[in-house]
Every structure is written in structure tokens, then in C-alpha cells.
Amino acid sequence: FDMPSLDKVGGGAGFGRFSDAVFWLYSHAQEESKVATSMIQTCCGSDPVPVEHSRTLYFLKSRSEGTGLRVACDFKDLQLKSYGFIKGKPKRNVNQA
């Protein structure tokens, strides 16, 4: 999977020059597992927890400090449910086979 960037968005340089915000919604359905597991930081300020999600929303451009953020989401029945900001992949437990 190639990370999204403003260069890959249809419409060329216009998105980078003339828009205030650009989002990229990526579906994990093309991958073998169909879901991704990421460490999620919720708005409650708790420690990051592992969450399975089927979509990732990338903030490619924003007017504030949000550029580069990723949000874990699920899309079902025409509703987008967000879990929180992705802080990384979960660490594998060496005791698991």
C-alpha cells in the first residue's frame, strides 16, 4: 500500500494550492485481512488501546495542526463511525504463537 499524498489525488496540484482541507478515506477491504488493528488514542485521554477497523481516514491537508493525522473508522450502513486517532500498530506478544 502506497501512503496517500496530495500528488496522488485526482485533479493534480489544484488540491494542494486551492483547498483548505483534503481527506483520503482508505478501505482495508483490498487487503487479505479486510481489517487493520491499530493503537487508538481516544478523546478521553486514556492510554492507547488496540482496535480493529475497516477504514482509515488520512488528513492530507488542514489549516491547523491536523495535517498527517490518521483516524480509525468503520463504514457500515452508510454511516462512518470513528474510534480515535491512530498512534501506531500494536506490539506483538512474544508468548503468542
Protein backbone atom coordinates (compact mmCIF):
# COMPACT_ATOMS: atom_id res chain seq x y z
CA PHE A 1 0.00 0.00 0.00
CA ASP A 2 1.38 3.38 -1.00
CA MET A 3 0.81 6.14 1.51
CA PRO A 4 -1.58 8.77 0.12
CA SER A 5 -0.25 12.20 -0.72
CA LEU A 6 -1.52 15.34 -2.44
CA ASP A 7 0.42 14.31 -5.55
CA LYS A 8 -1.74 11.18 -5.93
CA VAL A 9 -5.12 12.92 -5.61
CA GLY A 10 -7.04 13.31 -8.86
CA GLY A 11 -7.08 16.91 -10.01
CA GLY A 12 -3.36 17.45 -9.71
CA ALA A 13 -1.83 20.42 -7.99
CA GLY A 14 -5.16 22.21 -7.57
CA PHE A 15 -5.90 20.37 -4.33
CA GLY A 16 -2.62 21.44 -2.80
CA ARG A 17 -2.97 25.05 -3.86
CA PHE A 18 -6.65 25.95 -3.67
CA SER A 19 -8.20 23.81 -0.92
CA ASP A 20 -8.21 24.30 2.84
CA ALA A 21 -8.54 20.61 3.72
CA VAL A 22 -8.00 17.31 1.91
CA PHE A 23 -9.05 13.92 3.33
CA TRP A 24 -8.37 10.43 1.99
CA LEU A 25 -10.64 7.55 3.10
CA TYR A 26 -8.82 4.24 2.65
CA SER A 27 -10.63 0.89 2.69
CA HIS A 28 -8.77 -2.11 4.08
CA ALA A 29 -11.11 -4.43 2.13
CA GLN A 30 -8.47 -4.81 -0.61
CA GLU A 31 -6.07 -6.45 1.85
CA GLU A 32 -6.22 -10.10 2.86
CA SER A 33 -7.39 -9.49 6.43
CA LYS A 34 -10.05 -6.89 5.42
CA VAL A 35 -9.46 -5.13 8.78
CA ALA A 36 -6.50 -3.42 10.36
CA THR A 37 -5.57 -3.36 14.03
CA SER A 38 -4.10 -0.11 15.32
CA MET A 39 -3.37 1.50 18.66
CA ILE A 40 -6.04 4.19 19.12
CA GLN A 41 -5.88 7.31 21.31
CA THR A 42 -9.41 8.28 22.30
CA CYS A 43 -10.69 11.70 23.26
CA CYS A 44 -10.89 10.58 26.91
CA GLY A 45 -7.09 10.73 27.20
CA SER A 46 -6.60 7.11 28.19
CA ASP A 47 -3.63 5.01 27.15
CA PRO A 48 -3.78 3.82 23.52
CA VAL A 49 -5.82 0.64 23.08
CA PRO A 50 -5.86 -1.83 20.15
CA VAL A 51 -8.92 -1.52 17.89
CA GLU A 52 -9.87 -3.34 14.68
CA HIS A 53 -11.18 -1.06 11.94
CA SER A 54 -12.06 -1.38 8.25
CA ARG A 55 -11.25 2.19 7.12
CA THR A 56 -8.53 4.76 7.76
CA LEU A 57 -9.18 8.47 7.26
CA TYR A 58 -5.99 10.36 6.36
CA PHE A 59 -5.73 14.12 6.87
CA LEU A 60 -3.58 15.10 3.88
CA LYS A 61 -4.01 18.82 4.36
CA SER A 62 -5.60 21.01 7.01
CA ARG A 63 -5.42 24.62 8.06
CA SER A 64 -4.32 23.70 11.57
CA GLU A 65 -2.05 21.12 13.16
CA GLY A 66 -4.07 18.17 11.84
CA THR A 67 -2.02 17.51 8.71
CA GLY A 68 -0.68 13.97 8.78
CA LEU A 69 -3.15 12.59 11.31
CA ARG A 70 -4.93 9.26 10.78
CA VAL A 71 -8.31 8.28 12.22
CA ALA A 72 -9.54 4.68 12.59
CA CYS A 73 -13.09 4.26 11.23
CA ASP A 74 -15.72 1.71 10.26
CA PHE A 75 -18.18 2.29 7.44
CA LYS A 76 -21.43 0.34 7.67
CA ASP A 77 -24.99 1.07 6.58
CA LEU A 78 -23.94 4.45 5.11
CA GLN A 79 -22.58 5.60 8.48
CA LEU A 80 -18.97 6.38 9.32
CA LYS A 81 -18.01 5.53 12.91
CA SER A 82 -14.70 6.94 14.15
CA TYR A 83 -12.76 5.31 17.00
CA GLY A 84 -9.96 7.82 17.53
CA PHE A 85 -6.52 8.86 16.34
CA ILE A 86 -4.10 6.14 15.28
CA LYS A 87 -0.93 6.20 17.37
CA GLY A 88 0.72 3.12 15.84
CA LYS A 89 0.49 -0.62 15.40
CA PRO A 90 0.04 -2.87 18.44
CA LYS A 91 3.10 -4.65 19.74
CA ARG A 92 3.11 -8.39 19.20
CA ASN A 93 3.17 -10.53 22.29
CA VAL A 94 6.15 -12.90 22.15
CA ASN A 95 4.13 -15.54 24.03
CA GLN A 96 1.55 -15.76 21.23
CA ALA A 97 2.20 -18.34 18.53
